[in-house]
Amino acid sequence: RQAMKDFTHFDDQGNARMVDVSAKQ
């Protein structure tokens, strides 16, 4: 679970997600 934090397409529970890029310029 700690290692998954390096993979942005997984949340803290290991579920797949689309990365939120709304804060990026």
mmCIF file of all heavy atoms, coordinates in Angstrom:
data_MODEL
# 
_entry.id   MODEL 
# 
loop_
_atom_site.group_PDB 
_atom_site.id 
_atom_site.type_symbol 
_atom_site.label_atom_id 
_atom_site.label_alt_id 
_atom_site.label_comp_id 
_atom_site.label_asym_id 
_atom_site.label_entity_id 
_atom_site.label_seq_id 
_atom_site.pdbx_PDB_ins_code 
_atom_site.Cartn_x 
_atom_site.Cartn_y 
_atom_site.Cartn_z 
_atom_site.occupancy 
_atom_site.B_iso_or_equiv 
_atom_site.pdbx_formal_charge 
_atom_site.auth_seq_id 
_atom_site.auth_comp_id 
_atom_site.auth_asym_id 
_atom_site.auth_atom_id 
_atom_site.pdbx_PDB_model_num 
ATOM 1   N N   . ARG A 1 1  ? 0.824   -1.203 0.000   1.00 0.00 ? 1  ARG A N   1 
ATOM 2   C CA  . ARG A 1 1  ? 0.000   0.000  0.000   1.00 0.00 ? 1  ARG A CA  1 
ATOM 3   C C   . ARG A 1 1  ? 0.864   1.261  0.000   1.00 0.00 ? 1  ARG A C   1 
ATOM 4   O O   . ARG A 1 1  ? 0.559   2.241  -0.670  1.00 0.00 ? 1  ARG A O   1 
ATOM 5   C CB  . ARG A 1 1  ? -0.934  -0.011 1.213   1.00 0.00 ? 1  ARG A CB  1 
ATOM 6   C CG  . ARG A 1 1  ? -1.978  1.102  1.196   1.00 0.00 ? 1  ARG A CG  1 
ATOM 7   C CD  . ARG A 1 1  ? -2.952  0.971  2.344   1.00 0.00 ? 1  ARG A CD  1 
ATOM 8   N NE  . ARG A 1 1  ? -3.797  -0.194 2.176   1.00 0.00 ? 1  ARG A NE  1 
ATOM 9   C CZ  . ARG A 1 1  ? -3.743  -1.284 2.944   1.00 0.00 ? 1  ARG A CZ  1 
ATOM 10  N NH1 . ARG A 1 1  ? -2.882  -1.335 3.932   1.00 0.00 ? 1  ARG A NH1 1 
ATOM 11  N NH2 . ARG A 1 1  ? -4.547  -2.297 2.728   1.00 0.00 ? 1  ARG A NH2 1 
ATOM 12  N N   . GLN A 1 2  ? 1.964   1.211  0.727   1.00 0.00 ? 2  GLN A N   1 
ATOM 13  C CA  . GLN A 1 2  ? 2.881   2.340  0.733   1.00 0.00 ? 2  GLN A CA  1 
ATOM 14  C C   . GLN A 1 2  ? 3.525   2.517  -0.642  1.00 0.00 ? 2  GLN A C   1 
ATOM 15  O O   . GLN A 1 2  ? 3.707   3.630  -1.128  1.00 0.00 ? 2  GLN A O   1 
ATOM 16  C CB  . GLN A 1 2  ? 3.973   2.125  1.799   1.00 0.00 ? 2  GLN A CB  1 
ATOM 17  C CG  . GLN A 1 2  ? 3.468   2.215  3.231   1.00 0.00 ? 2  GLN A CG  1 
ATOM 18  C CD  . GLN A 1 2  ? 2.940   3.601  3.569   1.00 0.00 ? 2  GLN A CD  1 
ATOM 19  O OE1 . GLN A 1 2  ? 3.502   4.612  3.166   1.00 0.00 ? 2  GLN A OE1 1 
ATOM 20  N NE2 . GLN A 1 2  ? 1.852   3.647  4.312   1.00 0.00 ? 2  GLN A NE2 1 
ATOM 21  N N   . ALA A 1 3  ? 3.877   1.382  -1.272  1.00 0.00 ? 3  ALA A N   1 
ATOM 22  C CA  . ALA A 1 3  ? 4.513   1.451  -2.589  1.00 0.00 ? 3  ALA A CA  1 
ATOM 23  C C   . ALA A 1 3  ? 3.561   2.001  -3.640  1.00 0.00 ? 3  ALA A C   1 
ATOM 24  O O   . ALA A 1 3  ? 3.977   2.686  -4.576  1.00 0.00 ? 3  ALA A O   1 
ATOM 25  C CB  . ALA A 1 3  ? 5.006   0.068  -3.009  1.00 0.00 ? 3  ALA A CB  1 
ATOM 26  N N   . MET A 1 4  ? 2.259   1.736  -3.498  1.00 0.00 ? 4  MET A N   1 
ATOM 27  C CA  . MET A 1 4  ? 1.276   2.182  -4.478  1.00 0.00 ? 4  MET A CA  1 
ATOM 28  C C   . MET A 1 4  ? 1.155   3.700  -4.532  1.00 0.00 ? 4  MET A C   1 
ATOM 29  O O   . MET A 1 4  ? 0.658   4.251  -5.512  1.00 0.00 ? 4  MET A O   1 
ATOM 30  C CB  . MET A 1 4  ? -0.092  1.566  -4.182  1.00 0.00 ? 4  MET A CB  1 
ATOM 31  C CG  . MET A 1 4  ? -0.237  0.149  -4.680  1.00 0.00 ? 4  MET A CG  1 
ATOM 32  S SD  . MET A 1 4  ? -1.907  -0.481 -4.430  1.00 0.00 ? 4  MET A SD  1 
ATOM 33  C CE  . MET A 1 4  ? -1.719  -2.131 -5.125  1.00 0.00 ? 4  MET A CE  1 
ATOM 34  N N   . LYS A 1 5  ? 1.605   4.364  -3.471  1.00 0.00 ? 5  LYS A N   1 
ATOM 35  C CA  . LYS A 1 5  ? 1.529   5.813  -3.474  1.00 0.00 ? 5  LYS A CA  1 
ATOM 36  C C   . LYS A 1 5  ? 2.370   6.421  -4.585  1.00 0.00 ? 5  LYS A C   1 
ATOM 37  O O   . LYS A 1 5  ? 2.155   7.562  -4.986  1.00 0.00 ? 5  LYS A O   1 
ATOM 38  C CB  . LYS A 1 5  ? 1.965   6.359  -2.117  1.00 0.00 ? 5  LYS A CB  1 
ATOM 39  C CG  . LYS A 1 5  ? 0.988   6.038  -0.984  1.00 0.00 ? 5  LYS A CG  1 
ATOM 40  C CD  . LYS A 1 5  ? 1.438   6.648  0.325   1.00 0.00 ? 5  LYS A CD  1 
ATOM 41  C CE  . LYS A 1 5  ? 0.438   6.353  1.443   1.00 0.00 ? 5  LYS A CE  1 
ATOM 42  N NZ  . LYS A 1 5  ? 0.866   6.934  2.734   1.00 0.00 ? 5  LYS A NZ  1 
ATOM 43  N N   . ASP A 1 6  ? 3.358   5.657  -5.081  1.00 0.00 ? 6  ASP A N   1 
ATOM 44  C CA  . ASP A 1 6  ? 4.189   6.136  -6.180  1.00 0.00 ? 6  ASP A CA  1 
ATOM 45  C C   . ASP A 1 6  ? 3.479   6.020  -7.525  1.00 0.00 ? 6  ASP A C   1 
ATOM 46  O O   . ASP A 1 6  ? 3.921   6.597  -8.505  1.00 0.00 ? 6  ASP A O   1 
ATOM 47  C CB  . ASP A 1 6  ? 5.507   5.349  -6.229  1.00 0.00 ? 6  ASP A CB  1 
ATOM 48  C CG  . ASP A 1 6  ? 6.365   5.600  -4.994  1.00 0.00 ? 6  ASP A CG  1 
ATOM 49  O OD1 . ASP A 1 6  ? 6.262   6.702  -4.432  1.00 0.00 ? 6  ASP A OD1 1 
ATOM 50  O OD2 . ASP A 1 6  ? 7.129   4.696  -4.618  1.00 0.00 ? 6  ASP A OD2 1 
ATOM 51  N N   . PHE A 1 7  ? 2.392   5.238  -7.577  1.00 0.00 ? 7  PHE A N   1 
ATOM 52  C CA  . PHE A 1 7  ? 1.644   5.059  -8.809  1.00 0.00 ? 7  PHE A CA  1 
ATOM 53  C C   . PHE A 1 7  ? 0.376   5.903  -8.729  1.00 0.00 ? 7  PHE A C   1 
ATOM 54  O O   . PHE A 1 7  ? -0.546  5.586  -7.974  1.00 0.00 ? 7  PHE A O   1 
ATOM 55  C CB  . PHE A 1 7  ? 1.294   3.586  -9.027  1.00 0.00 ? 7  PHE A CB  1 
ATOM 56  C CG  . PHE A 1 7  ? 2.496   2.715  -9.252  1.00 0.00 ? 7  PHE A CG  1 
ATOM 57  C CD1 . PHE A 1 7  ? 3.108   2.064  -8.192  1.00 0.00 ? 7  PHE A CD1 1 
ATOM 58  C CD2 . PHE A 1 7  ? 3.017   2.555  -10.521 1.00 0.00 ? 7  PHE A CD2 1 
ATOM 59  C CE1 . PHE A 1 7  ? 4.215   1.265  -8.391  1.00 0.00 ? 7  PHE A CE1 1 
ATOM 60  C CE2 . PHE A 1 7  ? 4.126   1.757  -10.730 1.00 0.00 ? 7  PHE A CE2 1 
ATOM 61  C CZ  . PHE A 1 7  ? 4.734   1.112  -9.677  1.00 0.00 ? 7  PHE A CZ  1 
ATOM 62  N N   . THR A 1 8  ? 0.326   6.951  -9.518  1.00 0.00 ? 8  THR A N   1 
ATOM 63  C CA  . THR A 1 8  ? -0.763  7.915  -9.379  1.00 0.00 ? 8  THR A CA  1 
ATOM 64  C C   . THR A 1 8  ? -2.112  7.381  -9.834  1.00 0.00 ? 8  THR A C   1 
ATOM 65  O O   . THR A 1 8  ? -3.141  7.975  -9.511  1.00 0.00 ? 8  THR A O   1 
ATOM 66  C CB  . THR A 1 8  ? -0.437  9.186  -10.191 1.00 0.00 ? 8  THR A CB  1 
ATOM 67  O OG1 . THR A 1 8  ? -0.198  8.833  -11.569 1.00 0.00 ? 8  THR A OG1 1 
ATOM 68  C CG2 . THR A 1 8  ? 0.805   9.866  -9.634  1.00 0.00 ? 8  THR A CG2 1 
ATOM 69  N N   . HIS A 1 9  ? -2.136  6.286  -10.579 1.00 0.00 ? 9  HIS A N   1 
ATOM 70  C CA  . HIS A 1 9  ? -3.406  5.738  -11.045 1.00 0.00 ? 9  HIS A CA  1 
ATOM 71  C C   . HIS A 1 9  ? -4.052  4.792  -10.035 1.00 0.00 ? 9  HIS A C   1 
ATOM 72  O O   . HIS A 1 9  ? -5.009  4.105  -10.357 1.00 0.00 ? 9  HIS A O   1 
ATOM 73  C CB  . HIS A 1 9  ? -3.225  5.028  -12.391 1.00 0.00 ? 9  HIS A CB  1 
ATOM 74  C CG  . HIS A 1 9  ? -3.085  5.968  -13.542 1.00 0.00 ? 9  HIS A CG  1 
ATOM 75  N ND1 . HIS A 1 9  ? -4.064  6.881  -13.874 1.00 0.00 ? 9  HIS A ND1 1 
ATOM 76  C CD2 . HIS A 1 9  ? -2.084  6.164  -14.431 1.00 0.00 ? 9  HIS A CD2 1 
ATOM 77  C CE1 . HIS A 1 9  ? -3.675  7.584  -14.931 1.00 0.00 ? 9  HIS A CE1 1 
ATOM 78  N NE2 . HIS A 1 9  ? -2.472  7.159  -15.278 1.00 0.00 ? 9  HIS A NE2 1 
ATOM 79  N N   . PHE A 1 10 ? -3.502  4.740  -8.794  1.00 0.00 ? 10 PHE A N   1 
ATOM 80  C CA  . PHE A 1 10 ? -4.116  3.963  -7.710  1.00 0.00 ? 10 PHE A CA  1 
ATOM 81  C C   . PHE A 1 10 ? -4.355  4.872  -6.517  1.00 0.00 ? 10 PHE A C   1 
ATOM 82  O O   . PHE A 1 10 ? -3.523  5.731  -6.212  1.00 0.00 ? 10 PHE A O   1 
ATOM 83  C CB  . PHE A 1 10 ? -3.208  2.800  -7.286  1.00 0.00 ? 10 PHE A CB  1 
ATOM 84  C CG  . PHE A 1 10 ? -3.042  1.739  -8.330  1.00 0.00 ? 10 PHE A CG  1 
ATOM 85  C CD1 . PHE A 1 10 ? -1.926  1.728  -9.166  1.00 0.00 ? 10 PHE A CD1 1 
ATOM 86  C CD2 . PHE A 1 10 ? -3.996  0.754  -8.488  1.00 0.00 ? 10 PHE A CD2 1 
ATOM 87  C CE1 . PHE A 1 10 ? -1.769  0.753  -10.127 1.00 0.00 ? 10 PHE A CE1 1 
ATOM 88  C CE2 . PHE A 1 10 ? -3.854  -0.225 -9.448  1.00 0.00 ? 10 PHE A CE2 1 
ATOM 89  C CZ  . PHE A 1 10 ? -2.733  -0.223 -10.277 1.00 0.00 ? 10 PHE A CZ  1 
ATOM 90  N N   . ASP A 1 11 ? -5.484  4.669  -5.839  1.00 0.00 ? 11 ASP A N   1 
ATOM 91  C CA  . ASP A 1 11 ? -5.721  5.434  -4.618  1.00 0.00 ? 11 ASP A CA  1 
ATOM 92  C C   . ASP A 1 11 ? -5.095  4.694  -3.433  1.00 0.00 ? 11 ASP A C   1 
ATOM 93  O O   . ASP A 1 11 ? -4.406  3.682  -3.605  1.00 0.00 ? 11 ASP A O   1 
ATOM 94  C CB  . ASP A 1 11 ? -7.216  5.678  -4.404  1.00 0.00 ? 11 ASP A CB  1 
ATOM 95  C CG  . ASP A 1 11 ? -8.023  4.397  -4.254  1.00 0.00 ? 11 ASP A CG  1 
ATOM 96  O OD1 . ASP A 1 11 ? -7.421  3.341  -3.940  1.00 0.00 ? 11 ASP A OD1 1 
ATOM 97  O OD2 . ASP A 1 11 ? -9.251  4.437  -4.433  1.00 0.00 ? 11 ASP A OD2 1 
ATOM 98  N N   . ASP A 1 12 ? -5.319  5.196  -2.202  1.00 0.00 ? 12 ASP A N   1 
ATOM 99  C CA  . ASP A 1 12 ? -4.694  4.604  -1.026  1.00 0.00 ? 12 ASP A CA  1 
ATOM 100 C C   . ASP A 1 12 ? -5.160  3.184  -0.749  1.00 0.00 ? 12 ASP A C   1 
ATOM 101 O O   . ASP A 1 12 ? -4.485  2.423  -0.047  1.00 0.00 ? 12 ASP A O   1 
ATOM 102 C CB  . ASP A 1 12 ? -4.981  5.465  0.213   1.00 0.00 ? 12 ASP A CB  1 
ATOM 103 C CG  . ASP A 1 12 ? -4.282  6.814  0.139   1.00 0.00 ? 12 ASP A CG  1 
ATOM 104 O OD1 . ASP A 1 12 ? -3.288  6.916  -0.622  1.00 0.00 ? 12 ASP A OD1 1 
ATOM 105 O OD2 . ASP A 1 12 ? -4.731  7.755  0.814   1.00 0.00 ? 12 ASP A OD2 1 
ATOM 106 N N   . GLN A 1 13 ? -6.322  2.808  -1.278  1.00 0.00 ? 13 GLN A N   1 
ATOM 107 C CA  . GLN A 1 13 ? -6.837  1.459  -1.098  1.00 0.00 ? 13 GLN A CA  1 
ATOM 108 C C   . GLN A 1 13 ? -6.456  0.518  -2.243  1.00 0.00 ? 13 GLN A C   1 
ATOM 109 O O   . GLN A 1 13 ? -6.854  -0.637 -2.274  1.00 0.00 ? 13 GLN A O   1 
ATOM 110 C CB  . GLN A 1 13 ? -8.362  1.477  -0.962  1.00 0.00 ? 13 GLN A CB  1 
ATOM 111 C CG  . GLN A 1 13 ? -8.855  2.014  0.375   1.00 0.00 ? 13 GLN A CG  1 
ATOM 112 C CD  . GLN A 1 13 ? -8.653  3.512  0.499   1.00 0.00 ? 13 GLN A CD  1 
ATOM 113 O OE1 . GLN A 1 13 ? -8.961  4.261  -0.417  1.00 0.00 ? 13 GLN A OE1 1 
ATOM 114 N NE2 . GLN A 1 13 ? -8.141  3.947  1.641   1.00 0.00 ? 13 GLN A NE2 1 
ATOM 115 N N   . GLY A 1 14 ? -5.697  1.031  -3.210  1.00 0.00 ? 14 GLY A N   1 
ATOM 116 C CA  . GLY A 1 14 ? -5.280  0.201  -4.337  1.00 0.00 ? 14 GLY A CA  1 
ATOM 117 C C   . GLY A 1 14 ? -6.288  0.145  -5.469  1.00 0.00 ? 14 GLY A C   1 
ATOM 118 O O   . GLY A 1 14 ? -6.142  -0.652 -6.398  1.00 0.00 ? 14 GLY A O   1 
ATOM 119 N N   . ASN A 1 15 ? -7.315  0.982  -5.419  1.00 0.00 ? 15 ASN A N   1 
ATOM 120 C CA  . ASN A 1 15 ? -8.319  1.014  -6.477  1.00 0.00 ? 15 ASN A CA  1 
ATOM 121 C C   . ASN A 1 15 ? -7.847  1.897  -7.632  1.00 0.00 ? 15 ASN A C   1 
ATOM 122 O O   . ASN A 1 15 ? -7.213  2.930  -7.420  1.00 0.00 ? 15 ASN A O   1 
ATOM 123 C CB  . ASN A 1 15 ? -9.652  1.549  -5.933  1.00 0.00 ? 15 ASN A CB  1 
ATOM 124 C CG  . ASN A 1 15 ? -10.202 0.682  -4.820  1.00 0.00 ? 15 ASN A CG  1 
ATOM 125 O OD1 . ASN A 1 15 ? -10.254 -0.540 -4.940  1.00 0.00 ? 15 ASN A OD1 1 
ATOM 126 N ND2 . ASN A 1 15 ? -10.607 1.306  -3.720  1.00 0.00 ? 15 ASN A ND2 1 
ATOM 127 N N   . ALA A 1 16 ? -8.183  1.491  -8.852  1.00 0.00 ? 16 ALA A N   1 
ATOM 128 C CA  . ALA A 1 16 ? -7.807  2.279  -10.018 1.00 0.00 ? 16 ALA A CA  1 
ATOM 129 C C   . ALA A 1 16 ? -8.584  3.588  -10.049 1.00 0.00 ? 16 ALA A C   1 
ATOM 130 O O   . ALA A 1 16 ? -9.741  3.664  -9.619  1.00 0.00 ? 16 ALA A O   1 
ATOM 131 C CB  . ALA A 1 16 ? -8.076  1.478  -11.294 1.00 0.00 ? 16 ALA A CB  1 
ATOM 132 N N   . ARG A 1 17 ? -7.941  4.629  -10.559 1.00 0.00 ? 17 ARG A N   1 
ATOM 133 C CA  . ARG A 1 17 ? -8.607  5.923  -10.649 1.00 0.00 ? 17 ARG A CA  1 
ATOM 134 C C   . ARG A 1 17 ? -7.997  6.729  -11.786 1.00 0.00 ? 17 ARG A C   1 
ATOM 135 O O   . ARG A 1 17 ? -6.883  6.474  -12.234 1.00 0.00 ? 17 ARG A O   1 
ATOM 136 C CB  . ARG A 1 17 ? -8.427  6.712  -9.349  1.00 0.00 ? 17 ARG A CB  1 
ATOM 137 C CG  . ARG A 1 17 ? -6.970  7.113  -9.097  1.00 0.00 ? 17 ARG A CG  1 
ATOM 138 C CD  . ARG A 1 17 ? -6.807  8.022  -7.915  1.00 0.00 ? 17 ARG A CD  1 
ATOM 139 N NE  . ARG A 1 17 ? -5.418  8.425  -7.737  1.00 0.00 ? 17 ARG A NE  1 
ATOM 140 C CZ  . ARG A 1 17 ? -4.980  9.218  -6.760  1.00 0.00 ? 17 ARG A CZ  1 
ATOM 141 N NH1 . ARG A 1 17 ? -5.850  9.689  -5.878  1.00 0.00 ? 17 ARG A NH1 1 
ATOM 142 N NH2 . ARG A 1 17 ? -3.713  9.534  -6.672  1.00 0.00 ? 17 ARG A NH2 1 
ATOM 143 N N   . MET A 1 18 ? -8.744  7.703  -12.276 1.00 0.00 ? 18 MET A N   1 
ATOM 144 C CA  . MET A 1 18 ? -8.190  8.690  -13.199 1.00 0.00 ? 18 MET A CA  1 
ATOM 145 C C   . MET A 1 18 ? -7.640  9.844  -12.359 1.00 0.00 ? 18 MET A C   1 
ATOM 146 O O   . MET A 1 18 ? -8.323  10.368 -11.484 1.00 0.00 ? 18 MET A O   1 
ATOM 147 C CB  . MET A 1 18 ? -9.256  9.204  -14.176 1.00 0.00 ? 18 MET A CB  1 
ATOM 148 C CG  . MET A 1 18 ? -8.742  10.282 -15.126 1.00 0.00 ? 18 MET A CG  1 
ATOM 149 S SD  . MET A 1 18 ? -10.017 10.916 -16.239 1.00 0.00 ? 18 MET A SD  1 
ATOM 150 C CE  . MET A 1 18 ? -10.093 9.578  -17.429 1.00 0.00 ? 18 MET A CE  1 
ATOM 151 N N   . VAL A 1 19 ? -6.402  10.207 -12.622 1.00 0.00 ? 19 VAL A N   1 
ATOM 152 C CA  . VAL A 1 19 ? -5.732  11.219 -11.811 1.00 0.00 ? 19 VAL A CA  1 
ATOM 153 C C   . VAL A 1 19 ? -6.424  12.569 -11.973 1.00 0.00 ? 19 VAL A C   1 
ATOM 154 O O   . VAL A 1 19 ? -6.786  12.981 -13.081 1.00 0.00 ? 19 VAL A O   1 
ATOM 155 C CB  . VAL A 1 19 ? -4.256  11.342 -12.230 1.00 0.00 ? 19 VAL A CB  1 
ATOM 156 C CG1 . VAL A 1 19 ? -3.552  12.426 -11.425 1.00 0.00 ? 19 VAL A CG1 1 
ATOM 157 C CG2 . VAL A 1 19 ? -3.547  10.007 -12.038 1.00 0.00 ? 19 VAL A CG2 1 
ATOM 158 N N   . ASP A 1 20 ? -6.604  13.263 -10.861 1.00 0.00 ? 20 ASP A N   1 
ATOM 159 C CA  . ASP A 1 20 ? -7.188  14.600 -10.877 1.00 0.00 ? 20 ASP A CA  1 
ATOM 160 C C   . ASP A 1 20 ? -6.097  15.607 -11.260 1.00 0.00 ? 20 ASP A C   1 
ATOM 161 O O   . ASP A 1 20 ? -5.141  15.819 -10.522 1.00 0.00 ? 20 ASP A O   1 
ATOM 162 C CB  . ASP A 1 20 ? -7.752  14.938 -9.497  1.00 0.00 ? 20 ASP A CB  1 
ATOM 163 C CG  . ASP A 1 20 ? -8.454  16.293 -9.464  1.00 0.00 ? 20 ASP A CG  1 
ATOM 164 O OD1 . ASP A 1 20 ? -8.490  16.981 -10.508 1.00 0.00 ? 20 ASP A OD1 1 
ATOM 165 O OD2 . ASP A 1 20 ? -8.945  16.668 -8.380  1.00 0.00 ? 20 ASP A OD2 1 
ATOM 166 N N   . VAL A 1 21 ? -6.241  16.226 -12.427 1.00 0.00 ? 21 VAL A N   1 
ATOM 167 C CA  . VAL A 1 21 ? -5.241  17.187 -12.905 1.00 0.00 ? 21 VAL A CA  1 
ATOM 168 C C   . VAL A 1 21 ? -5.780  18.615 -12.890 1.00 0.00 ? 21 VAL A C   1 
ATOM 169 O O   . VAL A 1 21 ? -5.202  19.509 -13.506 1.00 0.00 ? 21 VAL A O   1 
ATOM 170 C CB  . VAL A 1 21 ? -4.757  16.818 -14.326 1.00 0.00 ? 21 VAL A CB  1 
ATOM 171 C CG1 . VAL A 1 21 ? -4.064  15.482 -14.331 1.00 0.00 ? 21 VAL A CG1 1 
ATOM 172 C CG2 . VAL A 1 21 ? -5.931  16.827 -15.317 1.00 0.00 ? 21 VAL A CG2 1 
ATOM 173 N N   . SER A 1 22 ? -6.877  18.836 -12.166 1.00 0.00 ? 22 SER A N   1 
ATOM 174 C CA  . SER A 1 22 ? -7.520  20.150 -12.192 1.00 0.00 ? 22 SER A CA  1 
ATOM 175 C C   . SER A 1 22 ? -6.645  21.253 -11.613 1.00 0.00 ? 22 SER A C   1 
ATOM 176 O O   . SER A 1 22 ? -6.803  22.427 -11.966 1.00 0.00 ? 22 SER A O   1 
ATOM 177 C CB  . SER A 1 22 ? -8.853  20.094 -11.443 1.00 0.00 ? 22 SER A CB  1 
ATOM 178 O OG  . SER A 1 22 ? -8.660  19.665 -10.099 1.00 0.00 ? 22 SER A OG  1 
ATOM 179 N N   . ALA A 1 23 ? -5.718  20.904 -10.729 1.00 0.00 ? 23 ALA A N   1 
ATOM 180 C CA  . ALA A 1 23 ? -4.873  21.921 -10.114 1.00 0.00 ? 23 ALA A CA  1 
ATOM 181 C C   . ALA A 1 23 ? -3.626  22.235 -10.941 1.00 0.00 ? 23 ALA A C   1 
ATOM 182 O O   . ALA A 1 23 ? -2.890  23.165 -10.624 1.00 0.00 ? 23 ALA A O   1 
ATOM 183 C CB  . ALA A 1 23 ? -4.445  21.465 -8.716  1.00 0.00 ? 23 ALA A CB  1 
ATOM 184 N N   . LYS A 1 24 ? -3.398  21.495 -11.998 1.00 0.00 ? 24 LYS A N   1 
ATOM 185 C CA  . LYS A 1 24 ? -2.196  21.698 -12.808 1.00 0.00 ? 24 LYS A CA  1 
ATOM 186 C C   . LYS A 1 24 ? -2.393  22.845 -13.797 1.00 0.00 ? 24 LYS A C   1 
ATOM 187 O O   . LYS A 1 24 ? -3.506  23.072 -14.294 1.00 0.00 ? 24 LYS A O   1 
ATOM 188 C CB  . LYS A 1 24 ? -1.834  20.427 -13.576 1.00 0.00 ? 24 LYS A CB  1 
ATOM 189 C CG  . LYS A 1 24 ? -1.348  19.288 -12.707 1.00 0.00 ? 24 LYS A CG  1 
ATOM 190 C CD  . LYS A 1 24 ? -0.891  18.121 -13.578 1.00 0.00 ? 24 LYS A CD  1 
ATOM 191 C CE  . LYS A 1 24 ? -0.331  16.982 -12.748 1.00 0.00 ? 24 LYS A CE  1 
ATOM 192 N NZ  . LYS A 1 24 ? 0.132   15.877 -13.602 1.00 0.00 ? 24 LYS A NZ  1 
ATOM 193 N N   . GLN A 1 25 ? -1.304  23.535 -14.086 1.00 0.00 ? 25 GLN A N   1 
ATOM 194 C CA  . GLN A 1 25 ? -1.337  24.609 -15.073 1.00 0.00 ? 25 GLN A CA  1 
ATOM 195 C C   . GLN A 1 25 ? -1.206  24.036 -16.485 1.00 0.00 ? 25 GLN A C   1 
ATOM 196 O O   . GLN A 1 25 ? -0.492  23.056 -16.704 1.00 0.00 ? 25 GLN A O   1 
ATOM 197 C CB  . GLN A 1 25 ? -0.190  25.593 -14.821 1.00 0.00 ? 25 GLN A CB  1 
ATOM 198 C CG  . GLN A 1 25 ? -0.264  26.323 -13.496 1.00 0.00 ? 25 GLN A CG  1 
ATOM 199 C CD  . GLN A 1 25 ? -1.463  27.261 -13.433 1.00 0.00 ? 25 GLN A CD  1 
ATOM 200 O OE1 . GLN A 1 25 ? -1.816  27.905 -14.421 1.00 0.00 ? 25 GLN A OE1 1 
ATOM 201 N NE2 . GLN A 1 25 ? -2.082  27.339 -12.263 1.00 0.00 ? 25 GLN A NE2 1 
# 
